[in-house]
């Protein structure tokens, strides 16, 4: 493989992120955020938080709600009502541990 310059690599990574977002939002909206967090240690909310953090690193102010709306393509509460289902107590307990392990106890989803 030829050496890829930094700009091209950023474009490739951005394209991969857009593909991941599209996959989670349009091809697999049935996959619940709690299951993603419990199995992989991140969920759609984490991805929207990472967008918010990347904006902040560039001096762009973006609230959690703004980042979520940008990521989800609609207000988060609308997407949640449309796509999320109630989680069992067992899944909720596993989520608490996965969230603390992967995001931290100070962060709030």
PDB file of N, CA and C in Angstrom:
ATOM      1  N   UNK A   1       0.845  -1.177   0.000  1.00  0.00           N
ATOM      2  CA  UNK A   1       0.000   0.000   0.000  1.00  0.00           C
ATOM      3  C   UNK A   1       0.891   1.241   0.000  1.00  0.00           C
ATOM      4  N   UNK A   2       0.521   2.172  -0.834  1.00  0.00           N
ATOM      5  CA  UNK A   2       1.242   3.442  -0.867  1.00  0.00           C
ATOM      6  C   UNK A   2       0.969   4.215   0.410  1.00  0.00           C
ATOM      7  N   UNK A   3       1.926   5.065   0.773  1.00  0.00           N
ATOM      8  CA  UNK A   3       1.749   5.900   1.963  1.00  0.00           C
ATOM      9  C   UNK A   3       0.590   6.861   1.720  1.00  0.00           C
ATOM     10  N   UNK A   4      -0.282   6.940   2.708  1.00  0.00           N
ATOM     11  CA  UNK A   4      -1.447   7.817   2.626  1.00  0.00           C
ATOM     12  C   UNK A   4      -1.141   9.091   3.399  1.00  0.00           C
ATOM     13  N   UNK A   5      -1.359  10.246   2.758  1.00  0.00           N
ATOM     14  CA  UNK A   5      -1.088  11.498   3.465  1.00  0.00           C
ATOM     15  C   UNK A   5      -2.163  11.746   4.523  1.00  0.00           C
ATOM     16  N   UNK A   6      -1.862  12.614   5.445  1.00  0.00           N
ATOM     17  CA  UNK A   6      -2.723  12.861   6.603  1.00  0.00           C
ATOM     18  C   UNK A   6      -4.125  13.301   6.194  1.00  0.00           C
ATOM     19  N   UNK A   7      -4.237  14.207   5.238  1.00  0.00           N
ATOM     20  CA  UNK A   7      -5.548  14.696   4.798  1.00  0.00           C
ATOM     21  C   UNK A   7      -6.391  13.553   4.229  1.00  0.00           C
ATOM     22  N   UNK A   8      -5.785  12.729   3.395  1.00  0.00           N
ATOM     23  CA  UNK A   8      -6.511  11.605   2.808  1.00  0.00           C
ATOM     24  C   UNK A   8      -6.932  10.619   3.888  1.00  0.00           C
ATOM     25  N   UNK A   9      -6.066  10.380   4.856  1.00  0.00           N
ATOM     26  CA  UNK A   9      -6.406   9.464   5.942  1.00  0.00           C
ATOM     27  C   UNK A   9      -7.576   9.996   6.744  1.00  0.00           C
ATOM     28  N   UNK A  10      -7.595  11.287   7.028  1.00  0.00           N
ATOM     29  CA  UNK A  10      -8.731  11.886   7.739  1.00  0.00           C
ATOM     30  C   UNK A  10     -10.017  11.725   6.938  1.00  0.00           C
ATOM     31  N   UNK A  11      -9.942  11.890   5.627  1.00  0.00           N
ATOM     32  CA  UNK A  11     -11.119  11.724   4.770  1.00  0.00           C
ATOM     33  C   UNK A  11     -11.603  10.273   4.789  1.00  0.00           C
ATOM     34  N   UNK A  12     -10.685   9.330   4.779  1.00  0.00           N
ATOM     35  CA  UNK A  12     -11.038   7.904   4.841  1.00  0.00           C
ATOM     36  C   UNK A  12     -11.697   7.590   6.178  1.00  0.00           C
ATOM     37  N   UNK A  13     -11.112   8.095   7.265  1.00  0.00           N
ATOM     38  CA  UNK A  13     -11.675   7.853   8.592  1.00  0.00           C
ATOM     39  C   UNK A  13     -13.060   8.496   8.726  1.00  0.00           C
ATOM     40  N   UNK A  14     -13.222   9.699   8.176  1.00  0.00           N
ATOM     41  CA  UNK A  14     -14.525  10.366   8.227  1.00  0.00           C
ATOM     42  C   UNK A  14     -15.563   9.575   7.434  1.00  0.00           C
ATOM     43  N   UNK A  15     -15.163   9.043   6.296  1.00  0.00           N
ATOM     44  CA  UNK A  15     -16.082   8.228   5.494  1.00  0.00           C
ATOM     45  C   UNK A  15     -16.470   6.965   6.252  1.00  0.00           C
ATOM     46  N   UNK A  16     -15.518   6.352   6.937  1.00  0.00           N
ATOM     47  CA  UNK A  16     -15.813   5.150   7.719  1.00  0.00           C
ATOM     48  C   UNK A  16     -16.788   5.487   8.854  1.00  0.00           C
ATOM     49  N   UNK A  17     -16.601   6.631   9.511  1.00  0.00           N
ATOM     50  CA  UNK A  17     -17.510   7.056  10.576  1.00  0.00           C
ATOM     51  C   UNK A  17     -18.913   7.270  10.020  1.00  0.00           C
ATOM     52  N   UNK A  18     -19.017   7.927   8.852  1.00  0.00           N
ATOM     53  CA  UNK A  18     -20.334   8.149   8.249  1.00  0.00           C
ATOM     54  C   UNK A  18     -21.007   6.818   7.901  1.00  0.00           C
ATOM     55  N   UNK A  19     -20.217   5.858   7.449  1.00  0.00           N
ATOM     56  CA  UNK A  19     -20.760   4.538   7.139  1.00  0.00           C
ATOM     57  C   UNK A  19     -21.252   3.849   8.401  1.00  0.00           C
ATOM     58  N   UNK A  20     -20.497   3.941   9.490  1.00  0.00           N
ATOM     59  CA  UNK A  20     -20.921   3.368  10.770  1.00  0.00           C
ATOM     60  C   UNK A  20     -22.212   4.017  11.234  1.00  0.00           C
ATOM     61  N   UNK A  21     -22.282   5.339  11.163  1.00  0.00           N
ATOM     62  CA  UNK A  21     -23.485   6.055  11.568  1.00  0.00           C
ATOM     63  C   UNK A  21     -24.668   5.599  10.732  1.00  0.00           C
ATOM     64  N   UNK A  22     -24.512   5.554   9.421  1.00  0.00           N
ATOM     65  CA  UNK A  22     -25.595   5.131   8.536  1.00  0.00           C
ATOM     66  C   UNK A  22     -26.029   3.699   8.859  1.00  0.00           C
ATOM     67  N   UNK A  23     -25.067   2.847   9.106  1.00  0.00           N
ATOM     68  CA  UNK A  23     -25.385   1.460   9.427  1.00  0.00           C
ATOM     69  C   UNK A  23     -26.229   1.376  10.705  1.00  0.00           C
ATOM     70  N   UNK A  24     -25.814   2.076  11.751  1.00  0.00           N
ATOM     71  CA  UNK A  24     -26.543   2.029  13.016  1.00  0.00           C
ATOM     72  C   UNK A  24     -27.892   2.740  12.944  1.00  0.00           C
ATOM     73  N   UNK A  25     -27.964   3.822  12.173  1.00  0.00           N
ATOM     74  CA  UNK A  25     -29.189   4.611  12.143  1.00  0.00           C
ATOM     75  C   UNK A  25     -30.209   4.083  11.135  1.00  0.00           C
ATOM     76  N   UNK A  26     -29.745   3.598   9.992  1.00  0.00           N
ATOM     77  CA  UNK A  26     -30.668   3.247   8.915  1.00  0.00           C
ATOM     78  C   UNK A  26     -30.773   1.750   8.641  1.00  0.00           C
ATOM     79  N   UNK A  27     -29.682   1.050   8.777  1.00  0.00           N
ATOM     80  CA  UNK A  27     -29.728  -0.382   8.489  1.00  0.00           C
ATOM     81  C   UNK A  27     -30.041  -1.216   9.718  1.00  0.00           C
ATOM     82  N   UNK A  28     -29.641  -0.749  10.906  1.00  0.00           N
ATOM     83  CA  UNK A  28     -29.847  -1.507  12.140  1.00  0.00           C
ATOM     84  C   UNK A  28     -30.396  -0.656  13.277  1.00  0.00           C
ATOM     85  N   UNK A  29     -31.481   0.097  13.029  1.00  0.00           N
ATOM     86  CA  UNK A  29     -32.061   0.864  14.135  1.00  0.00           C
ATOM     87  C   UNK A  29     -32.650  -0.045  15.209  1.00  0.00           C
ATOM     88  N   UNK A  30     -32.841  -1.323  14.867  1.00  0.00           N
ATOM     89  CA  UNK A  30     -33.366  -2.290  15.822  1.00  0.00           C
ATOM     90  C   UNK A  30     -32.368  -2.637  16.913  1.00  0.00           C
ATOM     91  N   UNK A  31     -31.085  -2.413  16.665  1.00  0.00           N
ATOM     92  CA  UNK A  31     -30.066  -2.691  17.680  1.00  0.00           C
ATOM     93  C   UNK A  31     -30.173  -1.607  18.744  1.00  0.00           C
ATOM     94  N   UNK A  32     -30.434  -2.023  19.948  1.00  0.00           N
ATOM     95  CA  UNK A  32     -30.670  -1.087  21.037  1.00  0.00           C
ATOM     96  C   UNK A  32     -29.356  -0.508  21.568  1.00  0.00           C
ATOM     97  N   UNK A  33     -29.387   0.756  21.963  1.00  0.00           N
ATOM     98  CA  UNK A  33     -28.204   1.397  22.537  1.00  0.00           C
ATOM     99  C   UNK A  33     -27.679   0.618  23.741  1.00  0.00           C
ATOM    100  N   UNK A  34     -28.581   0.137  24.575  1.00  0.00           N
ATOM    101  CA  UNK A  34     -28.153  -0.583  25.777  1.00  0.00           C
ATOM    102  C   UNK A  34     -27.390  -1.853  25.396  1.00  0.00           C
ATOM    103  N   UNK A  35     -27.823  -2.524  24.325  1.00  0.00           N
ATOM    104  CA  UNK A  35     -27.122  -3.730  23.884  1.00  0.00           C
ATOM    105  C   UNK A  35     -25.751  -3.392  23.312  1.00  0.00           C
ATOM    106  N   UNK A  36     -25.664  -2.286  22.574  1.00  0.00           N
ATOM    107  CA  UNK A  36     -24.360  -1.840  22.069  1.00  0.00           C
ATOM    108  C   UNK A  36     -23.400  -1.570  23.224  1.00  0.00           C
ATOM    109  N   UNK A  37     -23.874  -0.833  24.224  1.00  0.00           N
ATOM    110  CA  UNK A  37     -23.015  -0.501  25.358  1.00  0.00           C
ATOM    111  C   UNK A  37     -22.614  -1.757  26.111  1.00  0.00           C
ATOM    112  N   UNK A  38     -23.568  -2.632  26.337  1.00  0.00           N
ATOM    113  CA  UNK A  38     -23.279  -3.834  27.111  1.00  0.00           C
ATOM    114  C   UNK A  38     -22.314  -4.766  26.381  1.00  0.00           C
ATOM    115  N   UNK A  39     -22.396  -4.829  25.065  1.00  0.00           N
ATOM    116  CA  UNK A  39     -21.535  -5.734  24.298  1.00  0.00           C
ATOM    117  C   UNK A  39     -20.234  -5.087  23.826  1.00  0.00           C
ATOM    118  N   UNK A  40     -20.303  -3.821  23.428  1.00  0.00           N
ATOM    119  CA  UNK A  40     -19.144  -3.188  22.794  1.00  0.00           C
ATOM    120  C   UNK A  40     -18.513  -2.077  23.619  1.00  0.00           C
ATOM    121  N   UNK A  41     -19.203  -1.614  24.650  1.00  0.00           N
ATOM    122  CA  UNK A  41     -18.643  -0.551  25.468  1.00  0.00           C
ATOM    123  C   UNK A  41     -18.854   0.844  24.904  1.00  0.00           C
ATOM    124  N   UNK A  42     -19.710   0.964  23.890  1.00  0.00           N
ATOM    125  CA  UNK A  42     -20.087   2.272  23.351  1.00  0.00           C
ATOM    126  C   UNK A  42     -21.461   2.122  22.707  1.00  0.00           C
ATOM    127  N   UNK A  43     -22.122   3.263  22.494  1.00  0.00           N
ATOM    128  CA  UNK A  43     -23.425   3.247  21.836  1.00  0.00           C
ATOM    129  C   UNK A  43     -23.544   4.494  20.964  1.00  0.00           C
ATOM    130  N   UNK A  44     -24.703   4.697  20.396  1.00  0.00           N
ATOM    131  CA  UNK A  44     -24.919   5.870  19.548  1.00  0.00           C
ATOM    132  C   UNK A  44     -24.702   7.166  20.327  1.00  0.00           C
ATOM    133  N   UNK A  45     -25.099   7.178  21.610  1.00  0.00           N
ATOM    134  CA  UNK A  45     -24.888   8.383  22.417  1.00  0.00           C
ATOM    135  C   UNK A  45     -23.399   8.668  22.599  1.00  0.00           C
ATOM    136  N   UNK A  46     -22.605   7.618  22.725  1.00  0.00           N
ATOM    137  CA  UNK A  46     -21.154   7.808  22.808  1.00  0.00           C
ATOM    138  C   UNK A  46     -20.637   8.437  21.516  1.00  0.00           C
ATOM    139  N   UNK A  47     -21.120   7.937  20.388  1.00  0.00           N
ATOM    140  CA  UNK A  47     -20.683   8.485  19.103  1.00  0.00           C
ATOM    141  C   UNK A  47     -21.055   9.964  18.994  1.00  0.00           C
ATOM    142  N   UNK A  48     -22.253  10.325  19.446  1.00  0.00           N
ATOM    143  CA  UNK A  48     -22.634  11.739  19.393  1.00  0.00           C
ATOM    144  C   UNK A  48     -21.779  12.562  20.355  1.00  0.00           C
ATOM    145  N   UNK A  49     -21.422  11.970  21.510  1.00  0.00           N
ATOM    146  CA  UNK A  49     -20.537  12.674  22.461  1.00  0.00           C
ATOM    147  C   UNK A  49     -19.159  12.871  21.845  1.00  0.00           C
ATOM    148  N   UNK A  50     -18.678  11.882  21.113  1.00  0.00           N
ATOM    149  CA  UNK A  50     -17.372  12.014  20.465  1.00  0.00           C
ATOM    150  C   UNK A  50     -17.398  13.114  19.407  1.00  0.00           C
ATOM    151  N   UNK A  51     -18.546  13.291  18.736  1.00  0.00           N
ATOM    152  CA  UNK A  51     -18.702  14.412  17.794  1.00  0.00           C
ATOM    153  C   UNK A  51     -18.612  15.727  18.569  1.00  0.00           C
ATOM    154  N   UNK A  52     -19.308  15.804  19.690  1.00  0.00           N
ATOM    155  CA  UNK A  52     -19.287  17.009  20.530  1.00  0.00           C
ATOM    156  C   UNK A  52     -17.871  17.307  21.006  1.00  0.00           C
ATOM    157  N   UNK A  53     -17.149  16.294  21.449  1.00  0.00           N
ATOM    158  CA  UNK A  53     -15.780  16.484  21.925  1.00  0.00           C
ATOM    159  C   UNK A  53     -14.852  16.923  20.798  1.00  0.00           C
ATOM    160  N   UNK A  54     -15.031  16.353  19.603  1.00  0.00           N
ATOM    161  CA  UNK A  54     -14.205  16.754  18.463  1.00  0.00           C
ATOM    162  C   UNK A  54     -14.469  18.217  18.091  1.00  0.00           C
ATOM    163  N   UNK A  55     -15.727  18.629  18.188  1.00  0.00           N
ATOM    164  CA  UNK A  55     -16.057  20.031  17.923  1.00  0.00           C
ATOM    165  C   UNK A  55     -15.390  20.935  18.960  1.00  0.00           C
ATOM    166  N   UNK A  56     -15.466  20.549  20.231  1.00  0.00           N
ATOM    167  CA  UNK A  56     -14.865  21.343  21.304  1.00  0.00           C
ATOM    168  C   UNK A  56     -13.358  21.482  21.113  1.00  0.00           C
ATOM    169  N   UNK A  57     -12.712  20.417  20.652  1.00  0.00           N
ATOM    170  CA  UNK A  57     -11.264  20.483  20.394  1.00  0.00           C
ATOM    171  C   UNK A  57     -10.918  21.515  19.329  1.00  0.00           C
ATOM    172  N   UNK A  58     -11.908  21.844  18.506  1.00  0.00           N
ATOM    173  CA  UNK A  58     -11.701  22.823  17.441  1.00  0.00           C
ATOM    174  C   UNK A  58     -12.301  24.181  17.795  1.00  0.00           C
ATOM    175  N   UNK A  59     -12.666  24.353  19.072  1.00  0.00           N
ATOM    176  CA  UNK A  59     -13.190  25.633  19.537  1.00  0.00           C
ATOM    177  C   UNK A  59     -14.642  25.868  19.169  1.00  0.00           C
ATOM    178  N   UNK A  60     -15.370  24.812  18.816  1.00  0.00           N
ATOM    179  CA  UNK A  60     -16.775  24.942  18.431  1.00  0.00           C
ATOM    180  C   UNK A  60     -17.629  24.479  19.595  1.00  0.00           C
ATOM    181  N   UNK A  61     -18.473  25.376  20.096  1.00  0.00           N
ATOM    182  CA  UNK A  61     -19.367  25.016  21.186  1.00  0.00           C
ATOM    183  C   UNK A  61     -20.542  24.231  20.633  1.00  0.00           C
ATOM    184  N   UNK A  62     -20.821  23.098  21.263  1.00  0.00           N
ATOM    185  CA  UNK A  62     -21.934  22.251  20.852  1.00  0.00           C
ATOM    186  C   UNK A  62     -22.466  21.569  22.105  1.00  0.00           C
ATOM    187  N   UNK A  63     -23.736  21.740  22.356  1.00  0.00           N
ATOM    188  CA  UNK A  63     -24.336  21.102  23.528  1.00  0.00           C
ATOM    189  C   UNK A  63     -24.532  19.608  23.263  1.00  0.00           C
ATOM    190  N   UNK A  64     -24.784  18.869  24.323  1.00  0.00           N
ATOM    191  CA  UNK A  64     -25.066  17.441  24.194  1.00  0.00           C
ATOM    192  C   UNK A  64     -26.287  17.241  23.300  1.00  0.00           C
ATOM    193  N   UNK A  65     -27.327  18.050  23.504  1.00  0.00           N
ATOM    194  CA  UNK A  65     -28.536  17.917  22.686  1.00  0.00           C
ATOM    195  C   UNK A  65     -28.262  18.241  21.220  1.00  0.00           C
ATOM    196  N   UNK A  66     -27.450  19.264  20.968  1.00  0.00           N
ATOM    197  CA  UNK A  66     -27.098  19.607  19.583  1.00  0.00           C
ATOM    198  C   UNK A  66     -26.309  18.482  18.921  1.00  0.00           C
ATOM    199  N   UNK A  67     -25.366  17.900  19.655  1.00  0.00           N
ATOM    200  CA  UNK A  67     -24.573  16.799  19.102  1.00  0.00           C
ATOM    201  C   UNK A  67     -25.450  15.592  18.827  1.00  0.00           C
ATOM    202  N   UNK A  68     -26.347  15.307  19.728  1.00  0.00           N
ATOM    203  CA  UNK A  68     -27.242  14.168  19.510  1.00  0.00           C
ATOM    204  C   UNK A  68     -28.145  14.408  18.312  1.00  0.00           C
ATOM    205  N   UNK A  69     -28.690  15.608  18.184  1.00  0.00           N
ATOM    206  CA  UNK A  69     -29.558  15.891  17.038  1.00  0.00           C
ATOM    207  C   UNK A  69     -28.773  15.805  15.731  1.00  0.00           C
ATOM    208  N   UNK A  70     -27.539  16.280  15.756  1.00  0.00           N
ATOM    209  CA  UNK A  70     -26.687  16.170  14.572  1.00  0.00           C
ATOM    210  C   UNK A  70     -26.449  14.702  14.227  1.00  0.00           C
ATOM    211  N   UNK A  71     -26.153  13.894  15.238  1.00  0.00           N
ATOM    212  CA  UNK A  71     -25.872  12.478  15.010  1.00  0.00           C
ATOM    213  C   UNK A  71     -27.137  11.701  14.619  1.00  0.00           C
ATOM    214  N   UNK A  72     -28.228  11.891  15.386  1.00  0.00           N
ATOM    215  CA  UNK A  72     -29.451  11.128  15.166  1.00  0.00           C
ATOM    216  C   UNK A  72     -30.286  11.653  13.998  1.00  0.00           C
ATOM    217  N   UNK A  73     -30.034  12.891  13.577  1.00  0.00           N
ATOM    218  CA  UNK A  73     -30.823  13.463  12.488  1.00  0.00           C
ATOM    219  C   UNK A  73     -32.187  13.961  12.944  1.00  0.00           C
ATOM    220  N   UNK A  74     -32.391  14.002  14.245  1.00  0.00           N
ATOM    221  CA  UNK A  74     -33.641  14.468  14.853  1.00  0.00           C
ATOM    222  C   UNK A  74     -33.373  14.629  16.345  1.00  0.00           C
ATOM    223  N   UNK A  75     -34.267  15.293  17.059  1.00  0.00           N
ATOM    224  CA  UNK A  75     -34.079  15.364  18.511  1.00  0.00           C
ATOM    225  C   UNK A  75     -33.987  13.948  19.087  1.00  0.00           C
ATOM    226  N   UNK A  76     -33.090  13.766  20.045  1.00  0.00           N
ATOM    227  CA  UNK A  76     -32.853  12.442  20.624  1.00  0.00           C
ATOM    228  C   UNK A  76     -34.124  11.823  21.191  1.00  0.00           C
ATOM    229  N   UNK A  77     -34.942  12.620  21.886  1.00  0.00           N
ATOM    230  CA  UNK A  77     -36.163  12.077  22.473  1.00  0.00           C
ATOM    231  C   UNK A  77     -37.099  11.517  21.401  1.00  0.00           C
ATOM    232  N   UNK A  78     -37.136  12.157  20.222  1.00  0.00           N
ATOM    233  CA  UNK A  78     -37.955  11.644  19.122  1.00  0.00           C
ATOM    234  C   UNK A  78     -37.411  10.299  18.635  1.00  0.00           C
ATOM    235  N   UNK A  79     -36.084  10.227  18.456  1.00  0.00           N
ATOM    236  CA  UNK A  79     -35.488   8.969  17.994  1.00  0.00           C
ATOM    237  C   UNK A  79     -35.693   7.867  19.027  1.00  0.00           C
ATOM    238  N   UNK A  80     -35.517   8.227  20.288  1.00  0.00           N
ATOM    239  CA  UNK A  80     -35.665   7.256  21.367  1.00  0.00           C
ATOM    240  C   UNK A  80     -37.092   6.694  21.386  1.00  0.00           C
ATOM    241  N   UNK A  81     -38.088   7.565  21.259  1.00  0.00           N
ATOM    242  CA  UNK A  81     -39.484   7.119  21.249  1.00  0.00           C
ATOM    243  C   UNK A  81     -39.771   6.235  20.038  1.00  0.00           C
ATOM    244  N   UNK A  82     -39.127   6.522  18.944  1.00  0.00           N
ATOM    245  CA  UNK A  82     -39.346   5.796  17.690  1.00  0.00           C
ATOM    246  C   UNK A  82     -38.596   4.465  17.649  1.00  0.00           C
ATOM    247  N   UNK A  83     -37.423   4.386  18.263  1.00  0.00           N
ATOM    248  CA  UNK A  83     -36.546   3.244  18.024  1.00  0.00           C
ATOM    249  C   UNK A  83     -36.154   2.421  19.240  1.00  0.00           C
ATOM    250  N   UNK A  84     -36.248   2.967  20.422  1.00  0.00           N
ATOM    251  CA  UNK A  84     -35.773   2.242  21.596  1.00  0.00           C
ATOM    252  C   UNK A  84     -36.926   1.527  22.292  1.00  0.00           C
ATOM    253  N   UNK A  85     -36.615   0.393  22.882  1.00  0.00           N
ATOM    254  CA  UNK A  85     -37.600  -0.387  23.622  1.00  0.00           C
ATOM    255  C   UNK A  85     -37.161  -0.456  25.090  1.00  0.00           C
ATOM    256  N   UNK A  86     -38.094  -0.728  25.982  1.00  0.00           N
ATOM    257  CA  UNK A  86     -37.727  -0.839  27.399  1.00  0.00           C
ATOM    258  C   UNK A  86     -36.706  -1.966  27.616  1.00  0.00           C
ATOM    259  N   UNK A  87     -35.797  -1.732  28.529  1.00  0.00           N
ATOM    260  CA  UNK A  87     -34.754  -2.719  28.837  1.00  0.00           C
ATOM    261  C   UNK A  87     -35.106  -3.448  30.122  1.00  0.00           C
ATOM    262  N   UNK A  88     -34.736  -4.703  30.150  1.00  0.00           N
ATOM    263  CA  UNK A  88     -34.967  -5.517  31.352  1.00  0.00           C
ATOM    264  C   UNK A  88     -34.076  -5.013  32.490  1.00  0.00           C
ATOM    265  N   UNK A  89     -34.438  -5.343  33.723  1.00  0.00           N
ATOM    266  CA  UNK A  89     -33.583  -4.972  34.852  1.00  0.00           C
ATOM    267  C   UNK A  89     -32.166  -5.541  34.716  1.00  0.00           C
ATOM    268  N   UNK A  90     -32.036  -6.736  34.145  1.00  0.00           N
ATOM    269  CA  UNK A  90     -30.714  -7.341  33.953  1.00  0.00           C
ATOM    270  C   UNK A  90     -29.879  -6.525  32.967  1.00  0.00           C
ATOM    271  N   UNK A  91     -30.504  -6.094  31.882  1.00  0.00           N
ATOM    272  CA  UNK A  91     -29.784  -5.265  30.904  1.00  0.00           C
ATOM    273  C   UNK A  91     -29.407  -3.919  31.513  1.00  0.00           C
ATOM    274  N   UNK A  92     -30.306  -3.357  32.317  1.00  0.00           N
ATOM    275  CA  UNK A  92     -30.019  -2.077  32.956  1.00  0.00           C
ATOM    276  C   UNK A  92     -28.846  -2.196  33.918  1.00  0.00           C
ATOM    277  N   UNK A  93     -28.781  -3.286  34.664  1.00  0.00           N
ATOM    278  CA  UNK A  93     -27.668  -3.498  35.599  1.00  0.00           C
ATOM    279  C   UNK A  93     -26.362  -3.679  34.835  1.00  0.00           C
ATOM    280  N   UNK A  94     -26.409  -4.439  33.740  1.00  0.00           N
ATOM    281  CA  UNK A  94     -25.211  -4.633  32.922  1.00  0.00           C
ATOM    282  C   UNK A  94     -24.771  -3.305  32.313  1.00  0.00           C
ATOM    283  N   UNK A  95     -25.756  -2.470  31.933  1.00  0.00           N
ATOM    284  CA  UNK A  95     -25.443  -1.158  31.370  1.00  0.00           C
ATOM    285  C   UNK A  95     -24.718  -0.290  32.382  1.00  0.00           C
ATOM    286  N   UNK A  96     -25.184  -0.272  33.611  1.00  0.00           N
ATOM    287  CA  UNK A  96     -24.540   0.550  34.644  1.00  0.00           C
ATOM    288  C   UNK A  96     -23.060   0.202  34.761  1.00  0.00           C
ATOM    289  N   UNK A  97     -22.754  -1.088  34.738  1.00  0.00           N
ATOM    290  CA  UNK A  97     -21.364  -1.526  34.832  1.00  0.00           C
ATOM    291  C   UNK A  97     -20.605  -1.153  33.562  1.00  0.00           C
ATOM    292  N   UNK A  98     -21.180  -1.447  32.394  1.00  0.00           N
ATOM    293  CA  UNK A  98     -20.508  -1.140  31.127  1.00  0.00           C
ATOM    294  C   UNK A  98     -20.268   0.358  30.994  1.00  0.00           C
ATOM    295  N   UNK A  99     -21.246   1.159  31.400  1.00  0.00           N
ATOM    296  CA  UNK A  99     -21.107   2.615  31.316  1.00  0.00           C
ATOM    297  C   UNK A  99     -19.982   3.090  32.225  1.00  0.00           C
ATOM    298  N   UNK A 100     -19.979   2.609  33.457  1.00  0.00           N
ATOM    299  CA  UNK A 100     -18.925   3.009  34.399  1.00  0.00           C
ATOM    300  C   UNK A 100     -17.553   2.567  33.905  1.00  0.00           C
ATOM    301  N   UNK A 101     -17.461   1.374  33.349  1.00  0.00           N
ATOM    302  CA  UNK A 101     -16.185   0.853  32.861  1.00  0.00           C
ATOM    303  C   UNK A 101     -15.674   1.585  31.633  1.00  0.00           C
ATOM    304  N   UNK A 102     -16.588   2.000  30.744  1.00  0.00           N
ATOM    305  CA  UNK A 102     -16.175   2.537  29.454  1.00  0.00           C
ATOM    306  C   UNK A 102     -16.317   4.046  29.315  1.00  0.00           C
ATOM    307  N   UNK A 103     -17.234   4.631  30.037  1.00  0.00           N
ATOM    308  CA  UNK A 103     -17.450   6.071  29.923  1.00  0.00           C
ATOM    309  C   UNK A 103     -16.999   6.780  31.183  1.00  0.00           C
ATOM    310  N   UNK A 104     -17.271   6.183  32.329  1.00  0.00           N
ATOM    311  CA  UNK A 104     -16.890   6.784  33.600  1.00  0.00           C
ATOM    312  C   UNK A 104     -18.106   7.045  34.439  1.00  0.00           C
ATOM    313  N   UNK A 105     -17.885   7.102  35.709  1.00  0.00           N
ATOM    314  CA  UNK A 105     -19.004   7.287  36.625  1.00  0.00           C
ATOM    315  C   UNK A 105     -19.471   8.742  36.666  1.00  0.00           C
ATOM    316  N   UNK A 106     -18.654   9.688  36.225  1.00  0.00           N
ATOM    317  CA  UNK A 106     -19.035  11.097  36.259  1.00  0.00           C
ATOM    318  C   UNK A 106     -19.888  11.496  35.068  1.00  0.00           C
ATOM    319  N   UNK A 107     -19.764  10.778  33.948  1.00  0.00           N
ATOM    320  CA  UNK A 107     -20.495  11.114  32.725  1.00  0.00           C
ATOM    321  C   UNK A 107     -21.939  10.652  32.858  1.00  0.00           C
ATOM    322  N   UNK A 108     -22.817  11.338  32.188  1.00  0.00           N
ATOM    323  CA  UNK A 108     -24.233  10.970  32.188  1.00  0.00           C
ATOM    324  C   UNK A 108     -24.669  10.783  30.746  1.00  0.00           C
ATOM    325  N   UNK A 109     -25.278   9.630  30.468  1.00  0.00           N
ATOM    326  CA  UNK A 109     -25.824   9.364  29.135  1.00  0.00           C
ATOM    327  C   UNK A 109     -27.106  10.140  29.041  1.00  0.00           C
TER     328      UNK A 109
END
